[in-house]
Amino acid sequence: MIISSYFTWLIVFVFLPTLALLLKFWRIYQRYPRTLLALVVFCFLLGFPWDLLAVKMGVWSFGREQMMGLWLDGLPLEEIIFLVSVPFLGGLIGLAILKVVVKK
């Protein structure tokens, strides 16, 4: 299994910012883990079928040469990781902004 360009993109633009936010705002994560989990589950339950439908209809596709090679029902592992990690990052960003603006 090789490291794909999509996975590299996830590391640079999703995992590293998430790690930085978790290090900076760990208390927010500790205070709202269920909120972040609910956000991730909700987005995944909407995003996974949406992606599956779009791929099956030919709206978009994933180049096999850019993926690691692990697929679940037509979606690459990287897309499934995306469907989980991006809402988590978005929730952290939102909570961090609230923390800074409201200054709790």
Protein backbone atom coordinates (compact mmCIF):
# COMPACT_ATOMS: atom_id res chain seq x y z
CA MET A 1 0.00 0.00 0.00
CA ILE A 2 1.41 3.40 -0.97
CA ILE A 3 0.71 6.81 0.48
CA SER A 4 -1.68 8.43 -1.98
CA SER A 5 -1.78 12.04 -3.03
CA TYR A 6 -5.29 12.32 -1.54
CA PHE A 7 -4.02 10.97 1.78
CA THR A 8 -1.09 13.40 1.65
CA TRP A 9 -3.61 16.21 1.13
CA LEU A 10 -5.57 14.99 4.18
CA ILE A 11 -2.43 15.01 6.31
CA VAL A 12 -1.42 18.54 5.31
CA PHE A 13 -4.80 20.25 5.23
CA VAL A 14 -6.87 18.28 7.75
CA PHE A 15 -4.79 16.23 10.20
CA LEU A 16 -2.12 18.84 10.95
CA PRO A 17 -4.63 21.69 11.52
CA THR A 18 -6.74 19.35 13.67
CA LEU A 19 -3.69 18.43 15.74
CA ALA A 20 -2.75 22.10 16.15
CA LEU A 21 -6.28 23.00 17.27
CA LEU A 22 -6.43 20.07 19.68
CA LEU A 23 -3.12 21.12 21.22
CA LYS A 24 -4.22 24.75 21.53
CA PHE A 25 -7.86 24.18 22.57
CA TRP A 26 -7.77 20.81 24.34
CA ARG A 27 -10.21 21.98 26.99
CA ILE A 28 -12.82 22.72 24.35
CA TYR A 29 -12.54 19.16 23.07
CA GLN A 30 -12.82 17.84 26.63
CA ARG A 31 -15.89 20.00 27.24
CA TYR A 32 -17.77 19.14 24.02
CA PRO A 33 -16.81 15.62 22.90
CA ARG A 34 -20.41 14.52 22.41
CA THR A 35 -21.18 17.61 20.35
CA LEU A 36 -18.24 16.89 18.05
CA LEU A 37 -19.18 13.20 17.85
CA ALA A 38 -22.79 14.09 16.95
CA LEU A 39 -21.54 16.46 14.25
CA VAL A 40 -19.26 13.78 12.77
CA VAL A 41 -21.98 11.11 12.83
CA PHE A 42 -24.57 13.44 11.30
CA CYS A 43 -22.22 14.54 8.51
CA PHE A 44 -21.13 10.98 7.81
CA LEU A 45 -24.71 9.72 7.63
CA LEU A 46 -25.49 12.41 5.06
CA GLY A 47 -22.15 12.46 3.24
CA PHE A 48 -21.57 8.75 2.70
CA PRO A 49 -24.79 8.06 0.77
CA TRP A 50 -24.37 11.36 -1.08
CA ASP A 51 -20.89 10.39 -2.22
CA LEU A 52 -21.99 6.89 -3.16
CA LEU A 53 -24.85 8.21 -5.24
CA ALA A 54 -22.70 10.85 -6.94
CA VAL A 55 -20.03 8.28 -7.85
CA LYS A 56 -22.58 5.77 -9.14
CA MET A 57 -24.29 8.49 -11.23
CA GLY A 58 -20.93 9.61 -12.63
CA VAL A 59 -21.13 13.11 -11.12
CA TRP A 60 -17.60 12.68 -9.81
CA SER A 61 -15.03 9.96 -9.46
CA PHE A 62 -11.83 9.09 -7.68
CA GLY A 63 -8.72 8.30 -9.71
CA ARG A 64 -7.44 4.90 -8.68
CA GLU A 65 -3.84 6.01 -9.25
CA GLN A 66 -4.27 8.71 -6.58
CA MET A 67 -5.75 6.38 -3.95
CA MET A 68 -4.17 3.83 -1.61
CA GLY A 69 -6.28 1.02 -3.02
CA LEU A 70 -8.67 0.31 -0.15
CA TRP A 71 -12.29 0.79 -1.22
CA LEU A 72 -15.66 0.47 0.51
CA ASP A 73 -18.62 0.11 -1.84
CA GLY A 74 -17.06 2.34 -4.49
CA LEU A 75 -15.52 4.94 -2.18
CA PRO A 76 -11.81 5.04 -1.36
CA LEU A 77 -10.64 4.86 2.24
CA GLU A 78 -9.35 8.42 1.92
CA GLU A 79 -12.86 9.73 1.20
CA ILE A 80 -14.26 7.93 4.22
CA ILE A 81 -11.52 9.46 6.36
CA PHE A 82 -12.41 12.83 4.81
CA LEU A 83 -16.09 12.35 5.71
CA VAL A 84 -15.11 11.87 9.36
CA SER A 85 -12.16 14.22 9.82
CA VAL A 86 -13.39 17.36 8.04
CA PRO A 87 -16.59 17.73 10.12
CA PHE A 88 -14.49 17.13 13.25
CA LEU A 89 -12.08 19.87 12.17
CA GLY A 90 -14.98 22.17 11.29
CA GLY A 91 -16.51 21.62 14.70
CA LEU A 92 -13.20 22.34 16.41
CA ILE A 93 -12.79 25.54 14.39
CA GLY A 94 -16.31 26.64 15.29
CA LEU A 95 -15.81 25.95 18.99
CA ALA A 96 -12.40 27.66 18.95
CA ILE A 97 -13.91 30.76 17.34
CA LEU A 98 -16.65 30.81 19.96
CA LYS A 99 -14.02 30.46 22.69
CA VAL A 100 -11.99 33.38 21.31
CA VAL A 101 -14.99 35.63 20.58
CA VAL A 102 -16.93 34.89 23.74
CA LYS A 103 -13.74 34.45 25.84
CA LYS A 104 -15.21 31.90 28.24
